[in-house]
Amino acid sequence: MKDELFDAAYYEAKYDLVIKDIIVRQDFSVTRDELKKEAAAMAERQNCALELVYRFFGEDLAMLEKDVKRKKAEKWILENE
């Protein structure tokens, strides 16, 4: 079990480093519309009001930018395998 946990932790750490590197190298940007779409999708997934998402992340939704960039990097990986 200890080895499995170590392997899982190693994978997660490695995955995060690879994603961050891809984001930097590909210079992904995020538009206001993309942030709004992600906020709406998050509200739907969580079955809550969109206003709650804005209240949590702020009116500018800047805290969601990292998540959107991460999704773009993951999509880029799948498209460029």
PDB file of N, CA and C in Angstrom:
ATOM      1  N   MET A   1       0.828  -1.187   0.000  1.00  0.00           N
ATOM      2  CA  MET A   1       0.000   0.000   0.000  1.00  0.00           C
ATOM      3  C   MET A   1       0.877   1.257   0.000  1.00  0.00           C
ATOM      4  N   LYS A   2       1.971   1.204   0.759  1.00  0.00           N
ATOM      5  CA  LYS A   2       2.868   2.348   0.831  1.00  0.00           C
ATOM      6  C   LYS A   2       3.462   2.655  -0.549  1.00  0.00           C
ATOM      7  N   ASP A   3       3.844   1.613  -1.274  1.00  0.00           N
ATOM      8  CA  ASP A   3       4.390   1.788  -2.616  1.00  0.00           C
ATOM      9  C   ASP A   3       3.358   2.378  -3.573  1.00  0.00           C
ATOM     10  N   GLU A   4       2.120   1.935  -3.437  1.00  0.00           N
ATOM     11  CA  GLU A   4       1.050   2.461  -4.285  1.00  0.00           C
ATOM     12  C   GLU A   4       0.824   3.940  -4.015  1.00  0.00           C
ATOM     13  N   LEU A   5       0.838   4.326  -2.756  1.00  0.00           N
ATOM     14  CA  LEU A   5       0.667   5.734  -2.402  1.00  0.00           C
ATOM     15  C   LEU A   5       1.832   6.570  -2.922  1.00  0.00           C
ATOM     16  N   PHE A   6       3.037   6.045  -2.798  1.00  0.00           N
ATOM     17  CA  PHE A   6       4.211   6.742  -3.309  1.00  0.00           C
ATOM     18  C   PHE A   6       4.108   6.929  -4.819  1.00  0.00           C
ATOM     19  N   ASP A   7       3.719   5.871  -5.526  1.00  0.00           N
ATOM     20  CA  ASP A   7       3.577   5.941  -6.979  1.00  0.00           C
ATOM     21  C   ASP A   7       2.515   6.968  -7.383  1.00  0.00           C
ATOM     22  N   ALA A   8       1.412   6.972  -6.663  1.00  0.00           N
ATOM     23  CA  ALA A   8       0.338   7.924  -6.965  1.00  0.00           C
ATOM     24  C   ALA A   8       0.804   9.365  -6.714  1.00  0.00           C
ATOM     25  N   ALA A   9       1.505   9.589  -5.614  1.00  0.00           N
ATOM     26  CA  ALA A   9       2.011  10.925  -5.300  1.00  0.00           C
ATOM     27  C   ALA A   9       3.038  11.366  -6.345  1.00  0.00           C
ATOM     28  N   TYR A  10       3.897  10.459  -6.746  1.00  0.00           N
ATOM     29  CA  TYR A  10       4.907  10.754  -7.757  1.00  0.00           C
ATOM     30  C   TYR A  10       4.239  11.130  -9.078  1.00  0.00           C
ATOM     31  N   TYR A  11       3.231  10.366  -9.468  1.00  0.00           N
ATOM     32  CA  TYR A  11       2.506  10.644 -10.711  1.00  0.00           C
ATOM     33  C   TYR A  11       1.870  12.027 -10.656  1.00  0.00           C
ATOM     34  N   GLU A  12       1.198  12.342  -9.549  1.00  0.00           N
ATOM     35  CA  GLU A  12       0.529  13.642  -9.413  1.00  0.00           C
ATOM     36  C   GLU A  12       1.525  14.789  -9.493  1.00  0.00           C
ATOM     37  N   ALA A  13       2.646  14.654  -8.815  1.00  0.00           N
ATOM     38  CA  ALA A  13       3.662  15.707  -8.831  1.00  0.00           C
ATOM     39  C   ALA A  13       4.222  15.880 -10.244  1.00  0.00           C
ATOM     40  N   LYS A  14       4.506  14.782 -10.896  1.00  0.00           N
ATOM     41  CA  LYS A  14       5.049  14.812 -12.253  1.00  0.00           C
ATOM     42  C   LYS A  14       4.022  15.409 -13.214  1.00  0.00           C
ATOM     43  N   TYR A  15       2.780  15.014 -13.066  1.00  0.00           N
ATOM     44  CA  TYR A  15       1.704  15.503 -13.922  1.00  0.00           C
ATOM     45  C   TYR A  15       1.582  17.024 -13.799  1.00  0.00           C
ATOM     46  N   ASP A  16       1.585  17.535 -12.584  1.00  0.00           N
ATOM     47  CA  ASP A  16       1.487  18.980 -12.370  1.00  0.00           C
ATOM     48  C   ASP A  16       2.644  19.725 -13.022  1.00  0.00           C
ATOM     49  N   LEU A  17       3.848  19.184 -12.912  1.00  0.00           N
ATOM     50  CA  LEU A  17       5.012  19.838 -13.521  1.00  0.00           C
ATOM     51  C   LEU A  17       4.901  19.857 -15.044  1.00  0.00           C
ATOM     52  N   VAL A  18       4.439  18.772 -15.615  1.00  0.00           N
ATOM     53  CA  VAL A  18       4.289  18.692 -17.070  1.00  0.00           C
ATOM     54  C   VAL A  18       3.218  19.677 -17.543  1.00  0.00           C
ATOM     55  N   ILE A  19       2.094  19.716 -16.870  1.00  0.00           N
ATOM     56  CA  ILE A  19       1.008  20.639 -17.237  1.00  0.00           C
ATOM     57  C   ILE A  19       1.497  22.080 -17.161  1.00  0.00           C
ATOM     58  N   LYS A  20       2.180  22.438 -16.079  1.00  0.00           N
ATOM     59  CA  LYS A  20       2.680  23.807 -15.922  1.00  0.00           C
ATOM     60  C   LYS A  20       3.652  24.159 -17.042  1.00  0.00           C
ATOM     61  N   ASP A  21       4.504  23.232 -17.408  1.00  0.00           N
ATOM     62  CA  ASP A  21       5.467  23.461 -18.475  1.00  0.00           C
ATOM     63  C   ASP A  21       4.765  23.679 -19.811  1.00  0.00           C
ATOM     64  N   ILE A  22       3.768  22.879 -20.093  1.00  0.00           N
ATOM     65  CA  ILE A  22       3.013  23.019 -21.343  1.00  0.00           C
ATOM     66  C   ILE A  22       2.308  24.366 -21.387  1.00  0.00           C
ATOM     67  N   ILE A  23       1.725  24.776 -20.271  1.00  0.00           N
ATOM     68  CA  ILE A  23       1.039  26.076 -20.215  1.00  0.00           C
ATOM     69  C   ILE A  23       2.006  27.204 -20.552  1.00  0.00           C
ATOM     70  N   VAL A  24       3.200  27.139 -19.992  1.00  0.00           N
ATOM     71  CA  VAL A  24       4.199  28.177 -20.258  1.00  0.00           C
ATOM     72  C   VAL A  24       4.667  28.123 -21.709  1.00  0.00           C
ATOM     73  N   ARG A  25       5.015  26.932 -22.183  1.00  0.00           N
ATOM     74  CA  ARG A  25       5.549  26.798 -23.544  1.00  0.00           C
ATOM     75  C   ARG A  25       4.530  27.156 -24.624  1.00  0.00           C
ATOM     76  N   GLN A  26       3.274  26.805 -24.401  1.00  0.00           N
ATOM     77  CA  GLN A  26       2.237  27.087 -25.397  1.00  0.00           C
ATOM     78  C   GLN A  26       1.636  28.482 -25.214  1.00  0.00           C
ATOM     79  N   ASP A  27       1.949  29.115 -24.110  1.00  0.00           N
ATOM     80  CA  ASP A  27       1.498  30.483 -23.820  1.00  0.00           C
ATOM     81  C   ASP A  27      -0.018  30.626 -23.965  1.00  0.00           C
ATOM     82  N   PHE A  28      -0.732  29.717 -23.319  1.00  0.00           N
ATOM     83  CA  PHE A  28      -2.191  29.764 -23.368  1.00  0.00           C
ATOM     84  C   PHE A  28      -2.695  31.045 -22.715  1.00  0.00           C
ATOM     85  N   SER A  29      -3.685  31.643 -23.337  1.00  0.00           N
ATOM     86  CA  SER A  29      -4.329  32.811 -22.750  1.00  0.00           C
ATOM     87  C   SER A  29      -5.788  32.447 -22.481  1.00  0.00           C
ATOM     88  N   VAL A  30      -6.430  33.254 -21.652  1.00  0.00           N
ATOM     89  CA  VAL A  30      -7.820  32.994 -21.282  1.00  0.00           C
ATOM     90  C   VAL A  30      -8.609  34.294 -21.460  1.00  0.00           C
ATOM     91  N   THR A  31      -9.708  34.206 -22.184  1.00  0.00           N
ATOM     92  CA  THR A  31     -10.546  35.377 -22.412  1.00  0.00           C
ATOM     93  C   THR A  31     -11.616  35.485 -21.330  1.00  0.00           C
ATOM     94  N   ARG A  32     -12.209  36.630 -21.245  1.00  0.00           N
ATOM     95  CA  ARG A  32     -13.304  36.855 -20.292  1.00  0.00           C
ATOM     96  C   ARG A  32     -14.466  35.904 -20.606  1.00  0.00           C
ATOM     97  N   ASP A  33     -14.746  35.697 -21.888  1.00  0.00           N
ATOM     98  CA  ASP A  33     -15.832  34.785 -22.270  1.00  0.00           C
ATOM     99  C   ASP A  33     -15.550  33.355 -21.802  1.00  0.00           C
ATOM    100  N   GLU A  34     -14.305  32.915 -21.914  1.00  0.00           N
ATOM    101  CA  GLU A  34     -13.955  31.573 -21.447  1.00  0.00           C
ATOM    102  C   GLU A  34     -14.138  31.457 -19.947  1.00  0.00           C
ATOM    103  N   LEU A  35     -13.797  32.505 -19.220  1.00  0.00           N
ATOM    104  CA  LEU A  35     -13.998  32.485 -17.768  1.00  0.00           C
ATOM    105  C   LEU A  35     -15.482  32.422 -17.431  1.00  0.00           C
ATOM    106  N   LYS A  36     -16.287  33.172 -18.160  1.00  0.00           N
ATOM    107  CA  LYS A  36     -17.734  33.147 -17.929  1.00  0.00           C
ATOM    108  C   LYS A  36     -18.322  31.766 -18.227  1.00  0.00           C
ATOM    109  N   LYS A  37     -17.854  31.160 -19.325  1.00  0.00           N
ATOM    110  CA  LYS A  37     -18.342  29.816 -19.680  1.00  0.00           C
ATOM    111  C   LYS A  37     -17.952  28.796 -18.619  1.00  0.00           C
ATOM    112  N   GLU A  38     -16.726  28.894 -18.117  1.00  0.00           N
ATOM    113  CA  GLU A  38     -16.282  27.969 -17.064  1.00  0.00           C
ATOM    114  C   GLU A  38     -17.074  28.181 -15.789  1.00  0.00           C
ATOM    115  N   ALA A  39     -17.362  29.426 -15.458  1.00  0.00           N
ATOM    116  CA  ALA A  39     -18.168  29.720 -14.268  1.00  0.00           C
ATOM    117  C   ALA A  39     -19.567  29.122 -14.411  1.00  0.00           C
ATOM    118  N   ALA A  40     -20.161  29.274 -15.588  1.00  0.00           N
ATOM    119  CA  ALA A  40     -21.498  28.717 -15.829  1.00  0.00           C
ATOM    120  C   ALA A  40     -21.471  27.189 -15.765  1.00  0.00           C
ATOM    121  N   ALA A  41     -20.444  26.591 -16.347  1.00  0.00           N
ATOM    122  CA  ALA A  41     -20.323  25.128 -16.313  1.00  0.00           C
ATOM    123  C   ALA A  41     -20.131  24.643 -14.877  1.00  0.00           C
ATOM    124  N   MET A  42     -19.341  25.370 -14.111  1.00  0.00           N
ATOM    125  CA  MET A  42     -19.109  24.986 -12.725  1.00  0.00           C
ATOM    126  C   MET A  42     -20.398  25.084 -11.915  1.00  0.00           C
ATOM    127  N   ALA A  43     -21.163  26.136 -12.134  1.00  0.00           N
ATOM    128  CA  ALA A  43     -22.441  26.291 -11.434  1.00  0.00           C
ATOM    129  C   ALA A  43     -23.370  25.126 -11.763  1.00  0.00           C
ATOM    130  N   GLU A  44     -23.379  24.730 -13.035  1.00  0.00           N
ATOM    131  CA  GLU A  44     -24.224  23.605 -13.445  1.00  0.00           C
ATOM    132  C   GLU A  44     -23.749  22.300 -12.812  1.00  0.00           C
ATOM    133  N   ARG A  45     -22.423  22.057 -12.842  1.00  0.00           N
ATOM    134  CA  ARG A  45     -21.886  20.821 -12.252  1.00  0.00           C
ATOM    135  C   ARG A  45     -22.175  20.740 -10.755  1.00  0.00           C
ATOM    136  N   GLN A  46     -22.087  21.880 -10.086  1.00  0.00           N
ATOM    137  CA  GLN A  46     -22.287  21.904  -8.640  1.00  0.00           C
ATOM    138  C   GLN A  46     -23.752  22.110  -8.255  1.00  0.00           C
ATOM    139  N   ASN A  47     -24.596  22.297  -9.279  1.00  0.00           N
ATOM    140  CA  ASN A  47     -26.020  22.514  -9.062  1.00  0.00           C
ATOM    141  C   ASN A  47     -26.254  23.685  -8.100  1.00  0.00           C
ATOM    142  N   CYS A  48     -25.602  24.807  -8.419  1.00  0.00           N
ATOM    143  CA  CYS A  48     -25.764  25.999  -7.589  1.00  0.00           C
ATOM    144  C   CYS A  48     -25.966  27.208  -8.492  1.00  0.00           C
ATOM    145  N   ALA A  49     -26.342  28.303  -7.887  1.00  0.00           N
ATOM    146  CA  ALA A  49     -26.578  29.533  -8.645  1.00  0.00           C
ATOM    147  C   ALA A  49     -25.254  30.112  -9.143  1.00  0.00           C
ATOM    148  N   LEU A  50     -25.297  30.665 -10.336  1.00  0.00           N
ATOM    149  CA  LEU A  50     -24.109  31.285 -10.924  1.00  0.00           C
ATOM    150  C   LEU A  50     -23.575  32.399 -10.023  1.00  0.00           C
ATOM    151  N   GLU A  51     -24.462  33.081  -9.335  1.00  0.00           N
ATOM    152  CA  GLU A  51     -24.052  34.162  -8.432  1.00  0.00           C
ATOM    153  C   GLU A  51     -23.130  33.645  -7.326  1.00  0.00           C
ATOM    154  N   LEU A  52     -23.357  32.426  -6.881  1.00  0.00           N
ATOM    155  CA  LEU A  52     -22.487  31.844  -5.855  1.00  0.00           C
ATOM    156  C   LEU A  52     -21.074  31.615  -6.382  1.00  0.00           C
ATOM    157  N   VAL A  53     -20.965  31.214  -7.623  1.00  0.00           N
ATOM    158  CA  VAL A  53     -19.653  31.012  -8.236  1.00  0.00           C
ATOM    159  C   VAL A  53     -18.924  32.353  -8.317  1.00  0.00           C
ATOM    160  N   TYR A  54     -19.635  33.398  -8.755  1.00  0.00           N
ATOM    161  CA  TYR A  54     -19.033  34.723  -8.824  1.00  0.00           C
ATOM    162  C   TYR A  54     -18.640  35.225  -7.429  1.00  0.00           C
ATOM    163  N   ARG A  55     -19.470  34.953  -6.473  1.00  0.00           N
ATOM    164  CA  ARG A  55     -19.166  35.381  -5.098  1.00  0.00           C
ATOM    165  C   ARG A  55     -17.911  34.673  -4.580  1.00  0.00           C
ATOM    166  N   PHE A  56     -17.767  33.415  -4.918  1.00  0.00           N
ATOM    167  CA  PHE A  56     -16.618  32.639  -4.454  1.00  0.00           C
ATOM    168  C   PHE A  56     -15.333  33.047  -5.170  1.00  0.00           C
ATOM    169  N   PHE A  57     -15.394  33.185  -6.497  1.00  0.00           N
ATOM    170  CA  PHE A  57     -14.195  33.462  -7.288  1.00  0.00           C
ATOM    171  C   PHE A  57     -13.959  34.946  -7.540  1.00  0.00           C
ATOM    172  N   GLY A  58     -14.928  35.767  -7.201  1.00  0.00           N
ATOM    173  CA  GLY A  58     -14.791  37.205  -7.443  1.00  0.00           C
ATOM    174  C   GLY A  58     -15.408  37.577  -8.776  1.00  0.00           C
ATOM    175  N   GLU A  59     -15.795  38.824  -8.910  1.00  0.00           N
ATOM    176  CA  GLU A  59     -16.462  39.282 -10.127  1.00  0.00           C
ATOM    177  C   GLU A  59     -15.596  39.134 -11.373  1.00  0.00           C
ATOM    178  N   ASP A  60     -14.274  39.249 -11.232  1.00  0.00           N
ATOM    179  CA  ASP A  60     -13.409  39.128 -12.405  1.00  0.00           C
ATOM    180  C   ASP A  60     -13.084  37.677 -12.756  1.00  0.00           C
ATOM    181  N   LEU A  61     -13.431  36.749 -11.875  1.00  0.00           N
ATOM    182  CA  LEU A  61     -13.219  35.313 -12.079  1.00  0.00           C
ATOM    183  C   LEU A  61     -11.752  34.952 -12.317  1.00  0.00           C
ATOM    184  N   ALA A  62     -10.850  35.814 -11.898  1.00  0.00           N
ATOM    185  CA  ALA A  62      -9.417  35.603 -12.138  1.00  0.00           C
ATOM    186  C   ALA A  62      -8.911  34.302 -11.527  1.00  0.00           C
ATOM    187  N   MET A  63      -9.519  33.876 -10.434  1.00  0.00           N
ATOM    188  CA  MET A  63      -9.074  32.641  -9.784  1.00  0.00           C
ATOM    189  C   MET A  63      -9.384  31.402 -10.624  1.00  0.00           C
ATOM    190  N   LEU A  64     -10.262  31.541 -11.601  1.00  0.00           N
ATOM    191  CA  LEU A  64     -10.593  30.417 -12.484  1.00  0.00           C
ATOM    192  C   LEU A  64      -9.613  30.284 -13.645  1.00  0.00           C
ATOM    193  N   GLU A  65      -8.805  31.306 -13.854  1.00  0.00           N
ATOM    194  CA  GLU A  65      -7.903  31.319 -15.011  1.00  0.00           C
ATOM    195  C   GLU A  65      -6.979  30.104 -15.030  1.00  0.00           C
ATOM    196  N   LYS A  66      -6.443  29.750 -13.888  1.00  0.00           N
ATOM    197  CA  LYS A  66      -5.539  28.604 -13.803  1.00  0.00           C
ATOM    198  C   LYS A  66      -6.245  27.318 -14.244  1.00  0.00           C
ATOM    199  N   ASP A  67      -7.484  27.143 -13.812  1.00  0.00           N
ATOM    200  CA  ASP A  67      -8.245  25.946 -14.185  1.00  0.00           C
ATOM    201  C   ASP A  67      -8.493  25.884 -15.688  1.00  0.00           C
ATOM    202  N   VAL A  68      -8.816  27.021 -16.286  1.00  0.00           N
ATOM    203  CA  VAL A  68      -9.084  27.056 -17.722  1.00  0.00           C
ATOM    204  C   VAL A  68      -7.802  26.757 -18.498  1.00  0.00           C
ATOM    205  N   LYS A  69      -6.689  27.324 -18.062  1.00  0.00           N
ATOM    206  CA  LYS A  69      -5.409  27.047 -18.720  1.00  0.00           C
ATOM    207  C   LYS A  69      -5.052  25.567 -18.598  1.00  0.00           C
ATOM    208  N   ARG A  70      -5.332  24.998 -17.443  1.00  0.00           N
ATOM    209  CA  ARG A  70      -5.040  23.576 -17.225  1.00  0.00           C
ATOM    210  C   ARG A  70      -5.857  22.710 -18.184  1.00  0.00           C
ATOM    211  N   LYS A  71      -7.120  23.058 -18.360  1.00  0.00           N
ATOM    212  CA  LYS A  71      -7.974  22.308 -19.284  1.00  0.00           C
ATOM    213  C   LYS A  71      -7.479  22.450 -20.720  1.00  0.00           C
ATOM    214  N   LYS A  72      -7.015  23.640 -21.067  1.00  0.00           N
ATOM    215  CA  LYS A  72      -6.467  23.841 -22.413  1.00  0.00           C
ATOM    216  C   LYS A  72      -5.225  22.986 -22.614  1.00  0.00           C
ATOM    217  N   ALA A  73      -4.381  22.914 -21.602  1.00  0.00           N
ATOM    218  CA  ALA A  73      -3.165  22.099 -21.694  1.00  0.00           C
ATOM    219  C   ALA A  73      -3.528  20.620 -21.825  1.00  0.00           C
ATOM    220  N   GLU A  74      -4.495  20.158 -21.066  1.00  0.00           N
ATOM    221  CA  GLU A  74      -4.919  18.762 -21.151  1.00  0.00           C
ATOM    222  C   GLU A  74      -5.498  18.460 -22.540  1.00  0.00           C
ATOM    223  N   LYS A  75      -6.275  19.389 -23.074  1.00  0.00           N
ATOM    224  CA  LYS A  75      -6.828  19.222 -24.422  1.00  0.00           C
ATOM    225  C   LYS A  75      -5.701  19.197 -25.441  1.00  0.00           C
ATOM    226  N   TRP A  76      -4.713  20.078 -25.268  1.00  0.00           N
ATOM    227  CA  TRP A  76      -3.576  20.125 -26.183  1.00  0.00           C
ATOM    228  C   TRP A  76      -2.823  18.800 -26.177  1.00  0.00           C
ATOM    229  N   ILE A  77      -2.641  18.225 -24.996  1.00  0.00           N
ATOM    230  CA  ILE A  77      -1.958  16.927 -24.875  1.00  0.00           C
ATOM    231  C   ILE A  77      -2.710  15.867 -25.682  1.00  0.00           C
ATOM    232  N   LEU A  78      -4.020  15.802 -25.514  1.00  0.00           N
ATOM    233  CA  LEU A  78      -4.802  14.786 -26.205  1.00  0.00           C
ATOM    234  C   LEU A  78      -4.773  14.979 -27.714  1.00  0.00           C
ATOM    235  N   GLU A  79      -4.753  16.218 -28.155  1.00  0.00           N
ATOM    236  CA  GLU A  79      -4.740  16.501 -29.588  1.00  0.00           C
ATOM    237  C   GLU A  79      -3.358  16.271 -30.218  1.00  0.00           C
ATOM    238  N   ASN A  80      -2.314  16.246 -29.405  1.00  0.00           N
ATOM    239  CA  ASN A  80      -0.961  16.142 -29.927  1.00  0.00           C
ATOM    240  C   ASN A  80      -0.228  14.878 -29.481  1.00  0.00           C
ATOM    241  N   GLU A  81      -0.975  13.848 -29.174  1.00  0.00           N
ATOM    242  CA  GLU A  81      -0.359  12.582 -28.757  1.00  0.00           C
ATOM    243  C   GLU A  81       0.415  11.964 -29.898  1.00  0.00           C
TER     244      GLU A  81
END
